[in-house]
PDB file of all heavy atoms in Angstrom:
ATOM      1  N   GLN A   1      78.892 103.367 116.423  1.00  0.00           N
ATOM      2  CA  GLN A   1      77.894 104.466 116.204  1.00  0.00           C
ATOM      3  C   GLN A   1      78.567 105.898 116.386  1.00  0.00           C
ATOM      4  O   GLN A   1      78.248 106.858 115.573  1.00  0.00           O
ATOM      5  CB  GLN A   1      76.767 104.260 117.205  1.00  0.00           C
ATOM      6  CG  GLN A   1      76.126 102.936 117.241  1.00  0.00           C
ATOM      7  CD  GLN A   1      75.241 102.596 115.973  1.00  0.00           C
ATOM      8  OE1 GLN A   1      75.642 103.006 114.854  1.00  0.00           O
ATOM      9  NE2 GLN A   1      74.103 101.906 116.196  1.00  0.00           N
ATOM     10  N   ALA A   2      79.415 106.015 117.345  1.00  0.00           N
ATOM     11  CA  ALA A   2      80.202 107.205 117.556  1.00  0.00           C
ATOM     12  C   ALA A   2      80.969 107.632 116.361  1.00  0.00           C
ATOM     13  O   ALA A   2      81.018 108.756 115.849  1.00  0.00           O
ATOM     14  CB  ALA A   2      81.039 107.164 118.801  1.00  0.00           C
ATOM     15  N   MET A   3      81.625 106.660 115.703  1.00  0.00           N
ATOM     16  CA  MET A   3      82.442 106.918 114.491  1.00  0.00           C
ATOM     17  C   MET A   3      81.533 107.445 113.428  1.00  0.00           C
ATOM     18  O   MET A   3      81.861 108.332 112.670  1.00  0.00           O
ATOM     19  CB  MET A   3      83.243 105.674 114.064  1.00  0.00           C
ATOM     20  CG  MET A   3      84.324 105.318 114.967  1.00  0.00           C
ATOM     21  SD  MET A   3      85.124 103.738 114.582  1.00  0.00           S
ATOM     22  CE  MET A   3      86.063 103.394 115.941  1.00  0.00           C
ATOM     23  N   HIS A   4      80.382 106.681 113.297  1.00  0.00           N
ATOM     24  CA  HIS A   4      79.366 107.170 112.252  1.00  0.00           C
ATOM     25  C   HIS A   4      79.004 108.652 112.509  1.00  0.00           C
ATOM     26  O   HIS A   4      78.920 109.455 111.556  1.00  0.00           O
ATOM     27  CB  HIS A   4      78.195 106.212 112.307  1.00  0.00           C
ATOM     28  CG  HIS A   4      77.058 106.665 111.392  1.00  0.00           C
ATOM     29  ND1 HIS A   4      76.113 107.664 111.869  1.00  0.00           N
ATOM     30  CD2 HIS A   4      76.684 106.355 110.141  1.00  0.00           C
ATOM     31  CE1 HIS A   4      75.272 107.853 110.956  1.00  0.00           C
ATOM     32  NE2 HIS A   4      75.553 107.077 109.827  1.00  0.00           N
ATOM     33  N   ASP A   5      78.619 108.929 113.696  1.00  0.00           N
ATOM     34  CA  ASP A   5      78.115 110.261 113.987  1.00  0.00           C
ATOM     35  C   ASP A   5      79.141 111.342 113.788  1.00  0.00           C
ATOM     36  O   ASP A   5      78.827 112.392 113.348  1.00  0.00           O
ATOM     37  CB  ASP A   5      77.514 110.256 115.406  1.00  0.00           C
ATOM     38  CG  ASP A   5      76.328 109.307 115.493  1.00  0.00           C
ATOM     39  OD1 ASP A   5      75.680 108.987 114.540  1.00  0.00           O
ATOM     40  OD2 ASP A   5      75.958 109.016 116.669  1.00  0.00           O
ATOM     41  N   VAL A   6      80.382 111.005 114.232  1.00  0.00           N
ATOM     42  CA  VAL A   6      81.427 111.916 114.098  1.00  0.00           C
ATOM     43  C   VAL A   6      81.695 112.264 112.587  1.00  0.00           C
ATOM     44  O   VAL A   6      81.878 113.370 112.106  1.00  0.00           O
ATOM     45  CB  VAL A   6      82.783 111.522 114.788  1.00  0.00           C
ATOM     46  CG1 VAL A   6      83.952 112.474 114.350  1.00  0.00           C
ATOM     47  CG2 VAL A   6      82.570 111.517 116.204  1.00  0.00           C
ATOM     48  N   LEU A   7      81.628 111.212 111.717  1.00  0.00           N
ATOM     49  CA  LEU A   7      81.920 111.308 110.351  1.00  0.00           C
ATOM     50  C   LEU A   7      80.745 111.978 109.559  1.00  0.00           C
ATOM     51  O   LEU A   7      80.944 112.782 108.651  1.00  0.00           O
ATOM     52  CB  LEU A   7      82.308 109.975 109.750  1.00  0.00           C
ATOM     53  CG  LEU A   7      83.509 109.467 110.081  1.00  0.00           C
ATOM     54  CD1 LEU A   7      83.705 107.918 109.753  1.00  0.00           C
ATOM     55  CD2 LEU A   7      84.769 110.211 109.353  1.00  0.00           C
ATOM     56  N   TYR A   8      79.501 111.573 109.869  1.00  0.00           N
ATOM     57  CA  TYR A   8      78.415 112.057 109.132  1.00  0.00           C
ATOM     58  C   TYR A   8      77.520 113.236 109.746  1.00  0.00           C
ATOM     59  O   TYR A   8      76.949 113.850 108.993  1.00  0.00           O
ATOM     60  CB  TYR A   8      77.493 110.819 108.822  1.00  0.00           C
ATOM     61  CG  TYR A   8      78.197 109.811 107.846  1.00  0.00           C
ATOM     62  CD1 TYR A   8      78.917 108.679 108.354  1.00  0.00           C
ATOM     63  CD2 TYR A   8      78.041 109.982 106.412  1.00  0.00           C
ATOM     64  CE1 TYR A   8      79.442 107.761 107.607  1.00  0.00           C
ATOM     65  CE2 TYR A   8      78.699 109.061 105.688  1.00  0.00           C
ATOM     66  CZ  TYR A   8      79.474 107.978 106.141  1.00  0.00           C
ATOM     67  OH  TYR A   8      79.966 107.050 105.343  1.00  0.00           O
ATOM     68  N   HIS A   9      77.562 113.292 111.034  1.00  0.00           N
ATOM     69  CA  HIS A   9      76.833 114.336 111.693  1.00  0.00           C
ATOM     70  C   HIS A   9      77.779 115.515 112.215  1.00  0.00           C
ATOM     71  O   HIS A   9      77.298 116.628 112.441  1.00  0.00           O
ATOM     72  CB  HIS A   9      75.913 113.797 112.757  1.00  0.00           C
ATOM     73  CG  HIS A   9      74.933 112.837 112.393  1.00  0.00           C
ATOM     74  ND1 HIS A   9      74.213 112.995 111.257  1.00  0.00           N
ATOM     75  CD2 HIS A   9      74.584 111.594 112.885  1.00  0.00           C
ATOM     76  CE1 HIS A   9      73.356 112.039 111.026  1.00  0.00           C
ATOM     77  NE2 HIS A   9      73.622 111.019 112.063  1.00  0.00           N
ATOM     78  N   GLN A  10      78.913 115.162 112.424  1.00  0.00           N
ATOM     79  CA  GLN A  10      79.933 116.148 112.783  1.00  0.00           C
ATOM     80  C   GLN A  10      79.526 116.959 114.046  1.00  0.00           C
ATOM     81  O   GLN A  10      79.483 116.423 115.143  1.00  0.00           O
ATOM     82  CB  GLN A  10      80.323 117.089 111.637  1.00  0.00           C
ATOM     83  CG  GLN A  10      80.956 116.265 110.520  1.00  0.00           C
ATOM     84  CD  GLN A  10      81.380 117.040 109.295  1.00  0.00           C
ATOM     85  OE1 GLN A  10      81.093 118.211 109.229  1.00  0.00           O
ATOM     86  NE2 GLN A  10      81.810 116.298 108.324  1.00  0.00           N
ATOM     87  N   TYR A  11      79.184 118.172 113.947  1.00  0.00           N
ATOM     88  CA  TYR A  11      78.841 119.106 115.129  1.00  0.00           C
ATOM     89  C   TYR A  11      77.366 119.025 115.448  1.00  0.00           C
ATOM     90  O   TYR A  11      77.036 119.777 116.474  1.00  0.00           O
ATOM     91  CB  TYR A  11      79.367 120.544 114.806  1.00  0.00           C
ATOM     92  CG  TYR A  11      80.723 120.682 114.403  1.00  0.00           C
ATOM     93  CD1 TYR A  11      81.222 120.931 113.138  1.00  0.00           C
ATOM     94  CD2 TYR A  11      81.675 120.501 115.454  1.00  0.00           C
ATOM     95  CE1 TYR A  11      82.535 121.040 112.771  1.00  0.00           C
ATOM     96  CE2 TYR A  11      83.070 120.682 115.148  1.00  0.00           C
ATOM     97  CZ  TYR A  11      83.490 120.861 113.879  1.00  0.00           C
ATOM     98  OH  TYR A  11      84.803 121.072 113.576  1.00  0.00           O
ATOM     99  N   ASP A  12      76.497 118.292 114.748  1.00  0.00           N
ATOM    100  CA  ASP A  12      75.100 118.238 115.090  1.00  0.00           C
ATOM    101  C   ASP A  12      74.843 117.229 116.140  1.00  0.00           C
ATOM    102  O   ASP A  12      74.491 116.041 115.811  1.00  0.00           O
ATOM    103  CB  ASP A  12      74.409 117.939 113.741  1.00  0.00           C
ATOM    104  CG  ASP A  12      72.810 118.108 114.101  1.00  0.00           C
ATOM    105  OD1 ASP A  12      72.429 118.413 115.151  1.00  0.00           O
ATOM    106  OD2 ASP A  12      72.057 118.052 113.104  1.00  0.00           O
ATOM    107  N   LEU A  13      75.192 117.538 117.388  1.00  0.00           N
ATOM    108  CA  LEU A  13      75.178 116.601 118.489  1.00  0.00           C
ATOM    109  C   LEU A  13      73.813 115.972 118.667  1.00  0.00           C
ATOM    110  O   LEU A  13      73.658 114.793 119.257  1.00  0.00           O
ATOM    111  CB  LEU A  13      75.745 117.178 119.767  1.00  0.00           C
ATOM    112  CG  LEU A  13      77.198 117.749 119.793  1.00  0.00           C
ATOM    113  CD1 LEU A  13      77.605 118.201 121.142  1.00  0.00           C
ATOM    114  CD2 LEU A  13      78.196 116.711 119.308  1.00  0.00           C
ATOM    115  N   GLN A  14      72.729 116.714 118.288  1.00  0.00           N
ATOM    116  CA  GLN A  14      71.380 116.200 118.594  1.00  0.00           C
ATOM    117  C   GLN A  14      71.077 114.966 117.900  1.00  0.00           C
ATOM    118  O   GLN A  14      70.182 114.289 118.279  1.00  0.00           O
ATOM    119  CB  GLN A  14      70.450 117.298 118.433  1.00  0.00           C
ATOM    120  CG  GLN A  14      70.617 118.513 119.313  1.00  0.00           C
ATOM    121  CD  GLN A  14      70.692 118.161 120.805  1.00  0.00           C
ATOM    122  OE1 GLN A  14      69.851 117.346 121.247  1.00  0.00           O
ATOM    123  NE2 GLN A  14      71.605 118.666 121.469  1.00  0.00           N
ATOM    124  N   LYS A  15      71.833 114.653 116.870  1.00  0.00           N
ATOM    125  CA  LYS A  15      71.599 113.464 115.941  1.00  0.00           C
ATOM    126  C   LYS A  15      72.404 112.390 116.392  1.00  0.00           C
ATOM    127  O   LYS A  15      72.303 111.203 115.832  1.00  0.00           O
ATOM    128  CB  LYS A  15      71.893 113.896 114.481  1.00  0.00           C
ATOM    129  CG  LYS A  15      70.918 114.815 113.889  1.00  0.00           C
ATOM    130  CD  LYS A  15      71.126 115.003 112.380  1.00  0.00           C
ATOM    131  CE  LYS A  15      70.185 116.017 111.778  1.00  0.00           C
ATOM    132  NZ  LYS A  15      70.496 116.190 110.343  1.00  0.00           N
ATOM    133  N   TYR A  16      73.356 112.514 117.356  1.00  0.00           N
ATOM    134  CA  TYR A  16      74.197 111.472 117.784  1.00  0.00           C
ATOM    135  C   TYR A  16      73.331 110.334 118.329  1.00  0.00           C
ATOM    136  O   TYR A  16      72.532 110.517 119.244  1.00  0.00           O
ATOM    137  CB  TYR A  16      75.273 111.986 118.816  1.00  0.00           C
ATOM    138  CG  TYR A  16      76.484 112.520 118.020  1.00  0.00           C
ATOM    139  CD1 TYR A  16      76.336 113.421 116.956  1.00  0.00           C
ATOM    140  CD2 TYR A  16      77.742 112.333 118.520  1.00  0.00           C
ATOM    141  CE1 TYR A  16      77.401 113.966 116.330  1.00  0.00           C
ATOM    142  CE2 TYR A  16      78.712 112.942 117.903  1.00  0.00           C
ATOM    143  CZ  TYR A  16      78.608 113.726 116.856  1.00  0.00           C
ATOM    144  OH  TYR A  16      79.707 114.266 116.237  1.00  0.00           O
ATOM    145  N   ASP A  17      73.763 109.080 118.204  1.00  0.00           N
ATOM    146  CA  ASP A  17      73.031 107.867 118.644  1.00  0.00           C
ATOM    147  C   ASP A  17      73.045 107.671 120.105  1.00  0.00           C
ATOM    148  O   ASP A  17      72.118 107.174 120.596  1.00  0.00           O
ATOM    149  CB  ASP A  17      73.715 106.626 117.759  1.00  0.00           C
ATOM    150  CG  ASP A  17      72.862 105.401 118.180  1.00  0.00           C
ATOM    151  OD1 ASP A  17      71.906 105.070 117.497  1.00  0.00           O
ATOM    152  OD2 ASP A  17      73.343 104.620 119.077  1.00  0.00           O
ATOM    153  N   HIS A  18      74.138 108.002 120.645  1.00  0.00           N
ATOM    154  CA  HIS A  18      74.208 107.700 122.119  1.00  0.00           C
ATOM    155  C   HIS A  18      73.317 108.487 123.054  1.00  0.00           C
ATOM    156  O   HIS A  18      73.039 108.154 124.143  1.00  0.00           O
ATOM    157  CB  HIS A  18      75.767 107.946 122.652  1.00  0.00           C
ATOM    158  CG  HIS A  18      76.032 109.409 122.730  1.00  0.00           C
ATOM    159  ND1 HIS A  18      76.294 110.198 121.567  1.00  0.00           N
ATOM    160  CD2 HIS A  18      76.190 110.236 123.710  1.00  0.00           C
ATOM    161  CE1 HIS A  18      76.603 111.427 122.010  1.00  0.00           C
ATOM    162  NE2 HIS A  18      76.552 111.530 123.277  1.00  0.00           N
ATOM    163  N   LEU A  19      72.778 109.609 122.487  1.00  0.00           N
ATOM    164  CA  LEU A  19      71.818 110.367 123.322  1.00  0.00           C
ATOM    165  C   LEU A  19      70.476 109.673 123.334  1.00  0.00           C
ATOM    166  O   LEU A  19      69.745 109.783 124.409  1.00  0.00           O
ATOM    167  CB  LEU A  19      71.580 111.769 122.661  1.00  0.00           C
ATOM    168  CG  LEU A  19      72.816 112.670 122.557  1.00  0.00           C
ATOM    169  CD1 LEU A  19      72.506 113.970 121.994  1.00  0.00           C
ATOM    170  CD2 LEU A  19      73.385 112.909 124.084  1.00  0.00           C
ATOM    171  N   ASP A  20      70.104 108.791 122.412  1.00  0.00           N
ATOM    172  CA  ASP A  20      68.902 108.093 122.391  1.00  0.00           C
ATOM    173  C   ASP A  20      69.239 106.617 122.947  1.00  0.00           C
ATOM    174  O   ASP A  20      68.328 106.033 123.558  1.00  0.00           O
ATOM    175  CB  ASP A  20      68.298 107.911 121.013  1.00  0.00           C
ATOM    176  CG  ASP A  20      67.767 109.263 120.442  1.00  0.00           C
ATOM    177  OD1 ASP A  20      67.274 109.971 121.318  1.00  0.00           O
ATOM    178  OD2 ASP A  20      68.044 109.484 119.264  1.00  0.00           O
ATOM    179  N   PHE A  21      70.294 106.117 122.664  1.00  0.00           N
ATOM    180  CA  PHE A  21      70.684 104.709 123.228  1.00  0.00           C
ATOM    181  C   PHE A  21      72.040 104.735 123.868  1.00  0.00           C
ATOM    182  O   PHE A  21      73.091 104.458 123.279  1.00  0.00           O
ATOM    183  CB  PHE A  21      70.767 103.789 122.008  1.00  0.00           C
ATOM    184  CG  PHE A  21      69.427 103.710 121.122  1.00  0.00           C
ATOM    185  CD1 PHE A  21      69.297 104.483 120.041  1.00  0.00           C
ATOM    186  CD2 PHE A  21      68.446 102.809 121.637  1.00  0.00           C
ATOM    187  CE1 PHE A  21      68.075 104.456 119.328  1.00  0.00           C
ATOM    188  CE2 PHE A  21      67.155 102.900 120.948  1.00  0.00           C
ATOM    189  CZ  PHE A  21      67.052 103.712 119.759  1.00  0.00           C
ATOM    190  N   PRO A  22      72.054 105.214 125.064  1.00  0.00           N
ATOM    191  CA  PRO A  22      73.269 105.425 125.807  1.00  0.00           C
ATOM    192  C   PRO A  22      74.014 104.114 126.222  1.00  0.00           C
ATOM    193  O   PRO A  22      75.300 104.173 126.627  1.00  0.00           O
ATOM    194  CB  PRO A  22      72.905 106.239 127.075  1.00  0.00           C
ATOM    195  CG  PRO A  22      71.507 105.801 127.291  1.00  0.00           C
ATOM    196  CD  PRO A  22      70.777 105.575 125.941  1.00  0.00           C
ATOM    197  N   GLY A  23      73.349 103.073 126.207  1.00  0.00           N
ATOM    198  CA  GLY A  23      74.070 101.769 126.696  1.00  0.00           C
ATOM    199  C   GLY A  23      74.033 101.688 128.130  1.00  0.00           C
ATOM    200  O   GLY A  23      73.545 102.517 128.919  1.00  0.00           O
ATOM    201  N   VAL A  24      74.447 100.491 128.574  1.00  0.00           N
ATOM    202  CA  VAL A  24      74.509 100.223 129.986  1.00  0.00           C
ATOM    203  C   VAL A  24      75.382 101.175 130.899  1.00  0.00           C
ATOM    204  O   VAL A  24      75.117 101.750 131.830  1.00  0.00           O
ATOM    205  CB  VAL A  24      74.880  98.755 130.185  1.00  0.00           C
ATOM    206  CG1 VAL A  24      74.890  98.505 131.766  1.00  0.00           C
ATOM    207  CG2 VAL A  24      73.977  97.920 129.569  1.00  0.00           C
ATOM    208  N   VAL A  25      76.625 101.346 130.308  1.00  0.00           N
ATOM    209  CA  VAL A  25      77.619 102.254 130.826  1.00  0.00           C
ATOM    210  C   VAL A  25      78.122 103.168 129.776  1.00  0.00           C
ATOM    211  O   VAL A  25      78.256 102.818 128.604  1.00  0.00           O
ATOM    212  CB  VAL A  25      78.779 101.559 131.512  1.00  0.00           C
ATOM    213  CG1 VAL A  25      78.328 100.828 132.783  1.00  0.00           C
ATOM    214  CG2 VAL A  25      79.335 100.509 130.570  1.00  0.00           C
ATOM    215  N   PRO A  26      78.527 104.400 130.099  1.00  0.00           N
ATOM    216  CA  PRO A  26      79.062 105.336 129.155  1.00  0.00           C
ATOM    217  C   PRO A  26      80.482 105.002 128.741  1.00  0.00           C
ATOM    218  O   PRO A  26      81.269 104.294 129.575  1.00  0.00           O
ATOM    219  CB  PRO A  26      79.086 106.717 129.842  1.00  0.00           C
ATOM    220  CG  PRO A  26      79.173 106.360 131.285  1.00  0.00           C
ATOM    221  CD  PRO A  26      78.450 105.107 131.383  1.00  0.00           C
ATOM    222  N   ARG A  27      80.982 105.437 127.611  1.00  0.00           N
ATOM    223  CA  ARG A  27      82.275 105.050 127.057  1.00  0.00           C
ATOM    224  C   ARG A  27      82.798 106.328 126.593  1.00  0.00           C
ATOM    225  O   ARG A  27      82.134 107.373 126.149  1.00  0.00           O
ATOM    226  CB  ARG A  27      82.248 104.084 125.960  1.00  0.00           C
ATOM    227  CG  ARG A  27      81.864 102.680 126.388  1.00  0.00           C
ATOM    228  CD  ARG A  27      82.980 102.167 127.348  1.00  0.00           C
ATOM    229  NE  ARG A  27      82.675 100.731 127.737  1.00  0.00           N
ATOM    230  CZ  ARG A  27      83.458 100.015 128.487  1.00  0.00           C
ATOM    231  NH1 ARG A  27      84.443 100.612 129.050  1.00  0.00           N
ATOM    232  NH2 ARG A  27      83.120  98.792 128.870  1.00  0.00           N
ATOM    233  N   THR A  28      84.075 106.418 126.519  1.00  0.00           N
ATOM    234  CA  THR A  28      84.754 107.574 125.940  1.00  0.00           C
ATOM    235  C   THR A  28      84.761 107.767 124.489  1.00  0.00           C
ATOM    236  O   THR A  28      84.687 106.724 123.750  1.00  0.00           O
ATOM    237  CB  THR A  28      86.270 107.619 126.342  1.00  0.00           C
ATOM    238  OG1 THR A  28      86.855 108.858 125.946  1.00  0.00           O
ATOM    239  CG2 THR A  28      86.951 106.482 125.892  1.00  0.00           C
ATOM    240  N   PHE A  29      84.674 108.991 123.897  1.00  0.00           N
ATOM    241  CA  PHE A  29      84.765 109.262 122.524  1.00  0.00           C
ATOM    242  C   PHE A  29      86.249 109.456 121.982  1.00  0.00           C
ATOM    243  O   PHE A  29      86.421 109.602 120.819  1.00  0.00           O
ATOM    244  CB  PHE A  29      84.014 110.493 122.201  1.00  0.00           C
ATOM    245  CG  PHE A  29      82.507 110.379 122.232  1.00  0.00           C
ATOM    246  CD1 PHE A  29      81.691 110.429 123.331  1.00  0.00           C
ATOM    247  CD2 PHE A  29      81.777 110.250 120.969  1.00  0.00           C
ATOM    248  CE1 PHE A  29      80.332 110.282 123.178  1.00  0.00           C
ATOM    249  CE2 PHE A  29      80.460 110.152 120.898  1.00  0.00           C
ATOM    250  CZ  PHE A  29      79.646 110.032 121.990  1.00  0.00           C
ATOM    251  N   ILE A  30      87.149 109.455 122.806  1.00  0.00           N
ATOM    252  CA  ILE A  30      88.451 109.648 122.420  1.00  0.00           C
ATOM    253  C   ILE A  30      88.966 108.819 121.244  1.00  0.00           C
ATOM    254  O   ILE A  30      89.495 109.253 120.161  1.00  0.00           O
ATOM    255  CB  ILE A  30      89.442 109.598 123.554  1.00  0.00           C
ATOM    256  CG1 ILE A  30      89.202 110.716 124.524  1.00  0.00           C
ATOM    257  CG2 ILE A  30      90.969 109.744 123.039  1.00  0.00           C
ATOM    258  CD1 ILE A  30      89.995 110.672 125.822  1.00  0.00           C
ATOM    259  N   GLY A  31      88.822 107.442 121.433  1.00  0.00           N
ATOM    260  CA  GLY A  31      89.185 106.500 120.321  1.00  0.00           C
ATOM    261  C   GLY A  31      88.469 106.739 119.055  1.00  0.00           C
ATOM    262  O   GLY A  31      88.969 106.645 118.111  1.00  0.00           O
ATOM    263  N   ALA A  32      87.009 106.922 119.195  1.00  0.00           N
ATOM    264  CA  ALA A  32      86.238 106.966 118.117  1.00  0.00           C
ATOM    265  C   ALA A  32      86.551 108.290 117.248  1.00  0.00           C
ATOM    266  O   ALA A  32      86.679 108.222 116.044  1.00  0.00           O
ATOM    267  CB  ALA A  32      84.768 107.076 118.513  1.00  0.00           C
ATOM    268  N   ILE A  33      86.804 109.389 117.921  1.00  0.00           N
ATOM    269  CA  ILE A  33      87.212 110.693 117.338  1.00  0.00           C
ATOM    270  C   ILE A  33      88.548 110.568 116.576  1.00  0.00           C
ATOM    271  O   ILE A  33      88.723 110.839 115.538  1.00  0.00           O
ATOM    272  CB  ILE A  33      87.241 111.804 118.225  1.00  0.00           C
ATOM    273  CG1 ILE A  33      85.898 112.095 118.710  1.00  0.00           C
ATOM    274  CG2 ILE A  33      87.907 113.088 117.631  1.00  0.00           C
ATOM    275  CD1 ILE A  33      85.718 113.091 119.743  1.00  0.00           C
ATOM    276  N   PHE A  34      89.527 109.881 117.272  1.00  0.00           N
ATOM    277  CA  PHE A  34      90.823 109.694 116.679  1.00  0.00           C
ATOM    278  C   PHE A  34      90.782 108.821 115.376  1.00  0.00           C
ATOM    279  O   PHE A  34      91.340 109.234 114.345  1.00  0.00           O
ATOM    280  CB  PHE A  34      91.779 108.998 117.699  1.00  0.00           C
ATOM    281  CG  PHE A  34      93.188 108.794 117.228  1.00  0.00           C
ATOM    282  CD1 PHE A  34      93.981 109.769 116.930  1.00  0.00           C
ATOM    283  CD2 PHE A  34      93.641 107.477 117.037  1.00  0.00           C
ATOM    284  CE1 PHE A  34      95.303 109.599 116.510  1.00  0.00           C
ATOM    285  CE2 PHE A  34      94.904 107.260 116.481  1.00  0.00           C
ATOM    286  CZ  PHE A  34      95.772 108.317 116.263  1.00  0.00           C
ATOM    287  N   ILE A  35      90.148 107.758 115.396  1.00  0.00           N
ATOM    288  CA  ILE A  35      89.991 106.833 114.220  1.00  0.00           C
ATOM    289  C   ILE A  35      89.149 107.557 113.150  1.00  0.00           C
ATOM    290  O   ILE A  35      89.444 107.456 111.945  1.00  0.00           O
ATOM    291  CB  ILE A  35      89.311 105.646 114.657  1.00  0.00           C
ATOM    292  CG1 ILE A  35      90.308 104.740 115.529  1.00  0.00           C
ATOM    293  CG2 ILE A  35      89.077 104.639 113.343  1.00  0.00           C
ATOM    294  CD1 ILE A  35      89.707 103.538 116.210  1.00  0.00           C
ATOM    295  N   SER A  36      88.168 108.328 113.517  1.00  0.00           N
ATOM    296  CA  SER A  36      87.293 109.027 112.539  1.00  0.00           C
ATOM    297  C   SER A  36      88.085 110.095 111.793  1.00  0.00           C
ATOM    298  O   SER A  36      87.883 110.252 110.591  1.00  0.00           O
ATOM    299  CB  SER A  36      86.069 109.674 113.253  1.00  0.00           C
ATOM    300  OG  SER A  36      85.145 108.588 113.826  1.00  0.00           O
ATOM    301  N   CYS A  37      88.963 110.729 112.579  1.00  0.00           N
ATOM    302  CA  CYS A  37      89.714 111.802 111.908  1.00  0.00           C
ATOM    303  C   CYS A  37      90.734 111.191 110.893  1.00  0.00           C
ATOM    304  O   CYS A  37      90.918 111.783 109.835  1.00  0.00           O
ATOM    305  CB  CYS A  37      90.664 112.559 112.965  1.00  0.00           C
ATOM    306  SG  CYS A  37      89.650 113.651 113.975  1.00  0.00           S
ATOM    307  N   LEU A  38      91.248 110.028 111.150  1.00  0.00           N
ATOM    308  CA  LEU A  38      92.194 109.347 110.286  1.00  0.00           C
ATOM    309  C   LEU A  38      91.431 108.792 109.002  1.00  0.00           C
ATOM    310  O   LEU A  38      91.950 108.757 107.945  1.00  0.00           O
ATOM    311  CB  LEU A  38      92.922 108.116 110.829  1.00  0.00           C
ATOM    312  CG  LEU A  38      93.944 108.582 112.009  1.00  0.00           C
ATOM    313  CD1 LEU A  38      94.528 107.327 112.642  1.00  0.00           C
ATOM    314  CD2 LEU A  38      95.004 109.572 111.386  1.00  0.00           C
ATOM    315  N   ALA A  39      90.249 108.359 109.239  1.00  0.00           N
ATOM    316  CA  ALA A  39      89.358 107.703 108.085  1.00  0.00           C
ATOM    317  C   ALA A  39      88.608 108.820 107.365  1.00  0.00           C
ATOM    318  O   ALA A  39      88.127 108.551 106.230  1.00  0.00           O
ATOM    319  CB  ALA A  39      88.425 106.739 108.769  1.00  0.00           C
TER     320      ALA A  39
END
């Protein structure tokens, strides 16, 4: 979901999925951003 949001919503953080569905524990965005930049 983070890769999707970085690619399709970019700087519009209010549309990011993790704000509505944070999950049990938080995770880092570092990997998602790195892969999204390459893709």
